[in-house]
Amino acid sequence: MSGSNVWTRNREKMKMFSELFAECSLEAAAYGRCVAATTTGSQELKKDACSKEFVVLKTCFINAAKKKCK
C-alpha cells in the first residue's frame, strides 16, 4: 500500500471541493444564514434545526460532483 497515493487522492478531492462549493454558493449561503440565525446569542445549534437547508446543499454537492466526474 502506497502512502503517497492516499495523499494524492485526498489532495484531488480537496481541490474538487472548492470547485463544488463555488457551484453551490447560493445553497451554502442559505445554510449559513440558517445556522447563524439559529445560533444567535449563546444558543447552541440543535440537531435538525437547519436540516431542510442542509439537504438542499448536500443535493447540490452531489449533483455538482456527478457533473465533474463525467
PDB file of N, CA and C in Angstrom:
ATOM      1  N   MET A   1       0.850  -1.177   0.000  1.00  0.00           N
ATOM      2  CA  MET A   1       0.000   0.000   0.000  1.00  0.00           C
ATOM      3  C   MET A   1       0.894   1.238   0.000  1.00  0.00           C
ATOM      4  N   SER A   2       0.648   2.112  -0.923  1.00  0.00           N
ATOM      5  CA  SER A   2       1.465   3.301  -1.067  1.00  0.00           C
ATOM      6  C   SER A   2       0.826   4.483  -0.343  1.00  0.00           C
ATOM      7  N   GLY A   3       1.578   5.078   0.548  1.00  0.00           N
ATOM      8  CA  GLY A   3       1.080   6.221   1.285  1.00  0.00           C
ATOM      9  C   GLY A   3       0.912   7.459   0.416  1.00  0.00           C
ATOM     10  N   SER A   4       1.758   7.600  -0.601  1.00  0.00           N
ATOM     11  CA  SER A   4       1.665   8.790  -1.448  1.00  0.00           C
ATOM     12  C   SER A   4       0.381   8.784  -2.266  1.00  0.00           C
ATOM     13  N   ASN A   5      -0.124   7.610  -2.618  1.00  0.00           N
ATOM     14  CA  ASN A   5      -1.385   7.520  -3.354  1.00  0.00           C
ATOM     15  C   ASN A   5      -2.539   8.090  -2.548  1.00  0.00           C
ATOM     16  N   VAL A   6      -2.552   7.812  -1.264  1.00  0.00           N
ATOM     17  CA  VAL A   6      -3.609   8.316  -0.388  1.00  0.00           C
ATOM     18  C   VAL A   6      -3.589   9.833  -0.376  1.00  0.00           C
ATOM     19  N   TRP A   7      -2.411  10.424  -0.245  1.00  0.00           N
ATOM     20  CA  TRP A   7      -2.302  11.874  -0.198  1.00  0.00           C
ATOM     21  C   TRP A   7      -2.688  12.510  -1.528  1.00  0.00           C
ATOM     22  N   THR A   8      -2.337  11.857  -2.613  1.00  0.00           N
ATOM     23  CA  THR A   8      -2.693  12.385  -3.934  1.00  0.00           C
ATOM     24  C   THR A   8      -4.198  12.395  -4.120  1.00  0.00           C
ATOM     25  N   ARG A   9      -4.858  11.304  -3.750  1.00  0.00           N
ATOM     26  CA  ARG A   9      -6.318  11.247  -3.878  1.00  0.00           C
ATOM     27  C   ARG A   9      -6.985  12.288  -2.989  1.00  0.00           C
ATOM     28  N   ASN A  10      -6.513  12.430  -1.767  1.00  0.00           N
ATOM     29  CA  ASN A  10      -7.099  13.412  -0.850  1.00  0.00           C
ATOM     30  C   ASN A  10      -6.894  14.832  -1.355  1.00  0.00           C
ATOM     31  N   ARG A  11      -5.723  15.110  -1.901  1.00  0.00           N
ATOM     32  CA  ARG A  11      -5.440  16.431  -2.440  1.00  0.00           C
ATOM     33  C   ARG A  11      -6.382  16.740  -3.602  1.00  0.00           C
ATOM     34  N   GLU A  12      -6.615  15.749  -4.459  1.00  0.00           N
ATOM     35  CA  GLU A  12      -7.527  15.928  -5.584  1.00  0.00           C
ATOM     36  C   GLU A  12      -8.962  16.177  -5.105  1.00  0.00           C
ATOM     37  N   LYS A  13      -9.375  15.456  -4.073  1.00  0.00           N
ATOM     38  CA  LYS A  13     -10.721  15.648  -3.529  1.00  0.00           C
ATOM     39  C   LYS A  13     -10.874  17.034  -2.927  1.00  0.00           C
ATOM     40  N   MET A  14      -9.870  17.507  -2.209  1.00  0.00           N
ATOM     41  CA  MET A  14      -9.948  18.832  -1.600  1.00  0.00           C
ATOM     42  C   MET A  14      -9.966  19.924  -2.673  1.00  0.00           C
ATOM     43  N   LYS A  15      -9.220  19.708  -3.746  1.00  0.00           N
ATOM     44  CA  LYS A  15      -9.223  20.664  -4.849  1.00  0.00           C
ATOM     45  C   LYS A  15     -10.608  20.715  -5.494  1.00  0.00           C
ATOM     46  N   MET A  16     -11.223  19.554  -5.650  1.00  0.00           N
ATOM     47  CA  MET A  16     -12.547  19.493  -6.250  1.00  0.00           C
ATOM     48  C   MET A  16     -13.590  20.118  -5.323  1.00  0.00           C
ATOM     49  N   PHE A  17     -13.394  20.015  -4.017  1.00  0.00           N
ATOM     50  CA  PHE A  17     -14.352  20.577  -3.061  1.00  0.00           C
ATOM     51  C   PHE A  17     -14.544  22.071  -3.281  1.00  0.00           C
ATOM     52  N   SER A  18     -13.465  22.796  -3.506  1.00  0.00           N
ATOM     53  CA  SER A  18     -13.595  24.246  -3.708  1.00  0.00           C
ATOM     54  C   SER A  18     -14.381  24.551  -4.978  1.00  0.00           C
ATOM     55  N   GLU A  19     -14.223  23.722  -6.014  1.00  0.00           N
ATOM     56  CA  GLU A  19     -14.991  23.911  -7.244  1.00  0.00           C
ATOM     57  C   GLU A  19     -16.469  23.617  -7.002  1.00  0.00           C
ATOM     58  N   LEU A  20     -16.741  22.553  -6.253  1.00  0.00           N
ATOM     59  CA  LEU A  20     -18.132  22.210  -5.940  1.00  0.00           C
ATOM     60  C   LEU A  20     -18.763  23.290  -5.072  1.00  0.00           C
ATOM     61  N   PHE A  21     -17.998  23.795  -4.136  1.00  0.00           N
ATOM     62  CA  PHE A  21     -18.501  24.849  -3.252  1.00  0.00           C
ATOM     63  C   PHE A  21     -18.881  26.082  -4.062  1.00  0.00           C
ATOM     64  N   ALA A  22     -18.078  26.410  -5.060  1.00  0.00           N
ATOM     65  CA  ALA A  22     -18.374  27.570  -5.905  1.00  0.00           C
ATOM     66  C   ALA A  22     -19.683  27.362  -6.669  1.00  0.00           C
ATOM     67  N   GLU A  23     -19.943  26.143  -7.105  1.00  0.00           N
ATOM     68  CA  GLU A  23     -21.181  25.858  -7.828  1.00  0.00           C
ATOM     69  C   GLU A  23     -22.408  25.892  -6.916  1.00  0.00           C
ATOM     70  N   CYS A  24     -22.211  25.696  -5.633  1.00  0.00           N
ATOM     71  CA  CYS A  24     -23.322  25.627  -4.681  1.00  0.00           C
ATOM     72  C   CYS A  24     -23.294  26.805  -3.715  1.00  0.00           C
ATOM     73  N   SER A  25     -22.800  27.927  -4.164  1.00  0.00           N
ATOM     74  CA  SER A  25     -22.625  29.063  -3.256  1.00  0.00           C
ATOM     75  C   SER A  25     -23.952  29.596  -2.712  1.00  0.00           C
ATOM     76  N   LEU A  26     -24.991  29.602  -3.518  1.00  0.00           N
ATOM     77  CA  LEU A  26     -26.292  30.099  -3.029  1.00  0.00           C
ATOM     78  C   LEU A  26     -26.853  29.175  -1.949  1.00  0.00           C
ATOM     79  N   GLU A  27     -26.734  27.877  -2.171  1.00  0.00           N
ATOM     80  CA  GLU A  27     -27.232  26.907  -1.197  1.00  0.00           C
ATOM     81  C   GLU A  27     -26.409  26.962   0.089  1.00  0.00           C
ATOM     82  N   ALA A  28     -25.092  27.131  -0.070  1.00  0.00           N
ATOM     83  CA  ALA A  28     -24.215  27.230   1.102  1.00  0.00           C
ATOM     84  C   ALA A  28     -24.528  28.493   1.906  1.00  0.00           C
ATOM     85  N   ALA A  29     -24.808  29.576   1.209  1.00  0.00           N
ATOM     86  CA  ALA A  29     -25.152  30.832   1.893  1.00  0.00           C
ATOM     87  C   ALA A  29     -26.467  30.692   2.657  1.00  0.00           C
ATOM     88  N   ALA A  30     -27.444  30.022   2.053  1.00  0.00           N
ATOM     89  CA  ALA A  30     -28.732  29.818   2.732  1.00  0.00           C
ATOM     90  C   ALA A  30     -28.547  28.970   3.985  1.00  0.00           C
ATOM     91  N   TYR A  31     -27.738  27.928   3.886  1.00  0.00           N
ATOM     92  CA  TYR A  31     -27.467  27.077   5.056  1.00  0.00           C
ATOM     93  C   TYR A  31     -26.735  27.887   6.134  1.00  0.00           C
ATOM     94  N   GLY A  32     -25.766  28.679   5.719  1.00  0.00           N
ATOM     95  CA  GLY A  32     -25.023  29.514   6.669  1.00  0.00           C
ATOM     96  C   GLY A  32     -25.917  30.519   7.369  1.00  0.00           C
ATOM     97  N   ARG A  33     -26.832  31.136   6.613  1.00  0.00           N
ATOM     98  CA  ARG A  33     -27.769  32.084   7.232  1.00  0.00           C
ATOM     99  C   ARG A  33     -28.649  31.383   8.261  1.00  0.00           C
ATOM    100  N   CYS A  34     -29.095  30.175   7.936  1.00  0.00           N
ATOM    101  CA  CYS A  34     -29.936  29.423   8.874  1.00  0.00           C
ATOM    102  C   CYS A  34     -29.169  29.112  10.158  1.00  0.00           C
ATOM    103  N   VAL A  35     -27.938  28.649  10.005  1.00  0.00           N
ATOM    104  CA  VAL A  35     -27.122  28.320  11.180  1.00  0.00           C
ATOM    105  C   VAL A  35     -26.873  29.578  12.005  1.00  0.00           C
ATOM    106  N   ALA A  36     -26.542  30.680  11.340  1.00  0.00           N
ATOM    107  CA  ALA A  36     -26.280  31.929  12.056  1.00  0.00           C
ATOM    108  C   ALA A  36     -27.527  32.415  12.783  1.00  0.00           C
ATOM    109  N   ALA A  37     -28.677  32.324  12.133  1.00  0.00           N
ATOM    110  CA  ALA A  37     -29.919  32.777  12.760  1.00  0.00           C
ATOM    111  C   ALA A  37     -30.315  31.881  13.932  1.00  0.00           C
ATOM    112  N   THR A  38     -30.020  30.607  13.812  1.00  0.00           N
ATOM    113  CA  THR A  38     -30.385  29.652  14.855  1.00  0.00           C
ATOM    114  C   THR A  38     -29.492  29.784  16.086  1.00  0.00           C
ATOM    115  N   THR A  39     -28.261  30.239  15.887  1.00  0.00           N
ATOM    116  CA  THR A  39     -27.296  30.285  16.996  1.00  0.00           C
ATOM    117  C   THR A  39     -27.011  31.703  17.468  1.00  0.00           C
ATOM    118  N   THR A  40     -27.968  32.610  17.297  1.00  0.00           N
ATOM    119  CA  THR A  40     -27.750  33.974  17.775  1.00  0.00           C
ATOM    120  C   THR A  40     -27.606  33.968  19.292  1.00  0.00           C
ATOM    121  N   GLY A  41     -26.787  34.851  19.774  1.00  0.00           N
ATOM    122  CA  GLY A  41     -26.550  34.905  21.220  1.00  0.00           C
ATOM    123  C   GLY A  41     -25.747  33.707  21.678  1.00  0.00           C
ATOM    124  N   SER A  42     -26.182  33.110  22.754  1.00  0.00           N
ATOM    125  CA  SER A  42     -25.453  31.966  23.296  1.00  0.00           C
ATOM    126  C   SER A  42     -26.155  30.648  23.006  1.00  0.00           C
ATOM    127  N   GLN A  43     -27.108  30.660  22.095  1.00  0.00           N
ATOM    128  CA  GLN A  43     -27.828  29.428  21.771  1.00  0.00           C
ATOM    129  C   GLN A  43     -26.921  28.460  21.026  1.00  0.00           C
ATOM    130  N   GLU A  44     -27.130  27.181  21.286  1.00  0.00           N
ATOM    131  CA  GLU A  44     -26.397  26.147  20.567  1.00  0.00           C
ATOM    132  C   GLU A  44     -27.233  25.664  19.396  1.00  0.00           C
ATOM    133  N   LEU A  45     -26.557  25.204  18.381  1.00  0.00           N
ATOM    134  CA  LEU A  45     -27.241  24.653  17.218  1.00  0.00           C
ATOM    135  C   LEU A  45     -27.848  23.306  17.593  1.00  0.00           C
ATOM    136  N   LYS A  46     -29.121  23.183  17.392  1.00  0.00           N
ATOM    137  CA  LYS A  46     -29.828  21.935  17.711  1.00  0.00           C
ATOM    138  C   LYS A  46     -29.858  21.045  16.489  1.00  0.00           C
ATOM    139  N   LYS A  47     -29.853  19.753  16.721  1.00  0.00           N
ATOM    140  CA  LYS A  47     -29.912  18.782  15.626  1.00  0.00           C
ATOM    141  C   LYS A  47     -31.180  19.023  14.807  1.00  0.00           C
ATOM    142  N   ASP A  48     -31.045  18.960  13.515  1.00  0.00           N
ATOM    143  CA  ASP A  48     -32.138  19.118  12.551  1.00  0.00           C
ATOM    144  C   ASP A  48     -32.716  20.525  12.493  1.00  0.00           C
ATOM    145  N   ALA A  49     -32.071  21.507  13.111  1.00  0.00           N
ATOM    146  CA  ALA A  49     -32.584  22.873  13.072  1.00  0.00           C
ATOM    147  C   ALA A  49     -32.553  23.432  11.654  1.00  0.00           C
ATOM    148  N   CYS A  50     -31.545  23.080  10.899  1.00  0.00           N
ATOM    149  CA  CYS A  50     -31.402  23.566   9.529  1.00  0.00           C
ATOM    150  C   CYS A  50     -31.339  22.402   8.548  1.00  0.00           C
ATOM    151  N   SER A  51     -32.069  21.350   8.859  1.00  0.00           N
ATOM    152  CA  SER A  51     -31.985  20.139   8.046  1.00  0.00           C
ATOM    153  C   SER A  51     -32.471  20.358   6.620  1.00  0.00           C
ATOM    154  N   LYS A  52     -33.495  21.180   6.445  1.00  0.00           N
ATOM    155  CA  LYS A  52     -34.016  21.434   5.098  1.00  0.00           C
ATOM    156  C   LYS A  52     -32.935  22.094   4.236  1.00  0.00           C
ATOM    157  N   GLU A  53     -32.268  23.106   4.772  1.00  0.00           N
ATOM    158  CA  GLU A  53     -31.213  23.799   4.049  1.00  0.00           C
ATOM    159  C   GLU A  53     -30.020  22.882   3.807  1.00  0.00           C
ATOM    160  N   PHE A  54     -29.710  22.029   4.798  1.00  0.00           N
ATOM    161  CA  PHE A  54     -28.594  21.111   4.644  1.00  0.00           C
ATOM    162  C   PHE A  54     -28.858  20.100   3.532  1.00  0.00           C
ATOM    163  N   VAL A  55     -30.075  19.582   3.454  1.00  0.00           N
ATOM    164  CA  VAL A  55     -30.419  18.612   2.411  1.00  0.00           C
ATOM    165  C   VAL A  55     -30.291  19.264   1.028  1.00  0.00           C
ATOM    166  N   VAL A  56     -30.725  20.506   0.912  1.00  0.00           N
ATOM    167  CA  VAL A  56     -30.598  21.218  -0.368  1.00  0.00           C
ATOM    168  C   VAL A  56     -29.123  21.388  -0.734  1.00  0.00           C
ATOM    169  N   LEU A  57     -28.287  21.752   0.234  1.00  0.00           N
ATOM    170  CA  LEU A  57     -26.856  21.917  -0.004  1.00  0.00           C
ATOM    171  C   LEU A  57     -26.209  20.583  -0.373  1.00  0.00           C
ATOM    172  N   LYS A  58     -26.543  19.548   0.354  1.00  0.00           N
ATOM    173  CA  LYS A  58     -25.990  18.217   0.086  1.00  0.00           C
ATOM    174  C   LYS A  58     -26.371  17.746  -1.319  1.00  0.00           C
ATOM    175  N   THR A  59     -27.612  17.950  -1.697  1.00  0.00           N
ATOM    176  CA  THR A  59     -28.077  17.565  -3.030  1.00  0.00           C
ATOM    177  C   THR A  59     -27.312  18.327  -4.105  1.00  0.00           C
ATOM    178  N   CYS A  60     -27.085  19.608  -3.861  1.00  0.00           N
ATOM    179  CA  CYS A  60     -26.320  20.415  -4.812  1.00  0.00           C
ATOM    180  C   CYS A  60     -24.902  19.866  -4.964  1.00  0.00           C
ATOM    181  N   PHE A  61     -24.239  19.556  -3.845  1.00  0.00           N
ATOM    182  CA  PHE A  61     -22.885  18.991  -3.893  1.00  0.00           C
ATOM    183  C   PHE A  61     -22.869  17.677  -4.672  1.00  0.00           C
ATOM    184  N   ILE A  62     -23.835  16.818  -4.410  1.00  0.00           N
ATOM    185  CA  ILE A  62     -23.886  15.516  -5.089  1.00  0.00           C
ATOM    186  C   ILE A  62     -24.072  15.707  -6.591  1.00  0.00           C
ATOM    187  N   ASN A  63     -24.994  16.571  -6.977  1.00  0.00           N
ATOM    188  CA  ASN A  63     -25.229  16.816  -8.399  1.00  0.00           C
ATOM    189  C   ASN A  63     -24.020  17.457  -9.071  1.00  0.00           C
ATOM    190  N   ALA A  64     -23.386  18.385  -8.403  1.00  0.00           N
ATOM    191  CA  ALA A  64     -22.200  19.036  -8.960  1.00  0.00           C
ATOM    192  C   ALA A  64     -21.044  18.037  -9.099  1.00  0.00           C
ATOM    193  N   ALA A  65     -20.905  17.144  -8.120  1.00  0.00           N
ATOM    194  CA  ALA A  65     -19.850  16.131  -8.179  1.00  0.00           C
ATOM    195  C   ALA A  65     -20.097  15.162  -9.323  1.00  0.00           C
ATOM    196  N   LYS A  66     -21.343  14.803  -9.550  1.00  0.00           N
ATOM    197  CA  LYS A  66     -21.657  13.908 -10.660  1.00  0.00           C
ATOM    198  C   LYS A  66     -21.286  14.548 -11.994  1.00  0.00           C
ATOM    199  N   LYS A  67     -21.524  15.855 -12.123  1.00  0.00           N
ATOM    200  CA  LYS A  67     -21.169  16.552 -13.357  1.00  0.00           C
ATOM    201  C   LYS A  67     -19.662  16.612 -13.543  1.00  0.00           C
ATOM    202  N   LYS A  68     -18.924  16.835 -12.452  1.00  0.00           N
ATOM    203  CA  LYS A  68     -17.466  16.957 -12.520  1.00  0.00           C
ATOM    204  C   LYS A  68     -16.794  15.630 -12.840  1.00  0.00           C
ATOM    205  N   CYS A  69     -17.372  14.543 -12.384  1.00  0.00           N
ATOM    206  CA  CYS A  69     -16.744  13.231 -12.539  1.00  0.00           C
ATOM    207  C   CYS A  69     -17.012  12.582 -13.892  1.00  0.00           C
ATOM    208  N   LYS A  70     -17.840  13.201 -14.704  1.00  0.00           N
ATOM    209  CA  LYS A  70     -18.134  12.614 -16.023  1.00  0.00           C
ATOM    210  C   LYS A  70     -16.992  12.792 -16.970  1.00  0.00           C
TER     211      LYS A  70
END
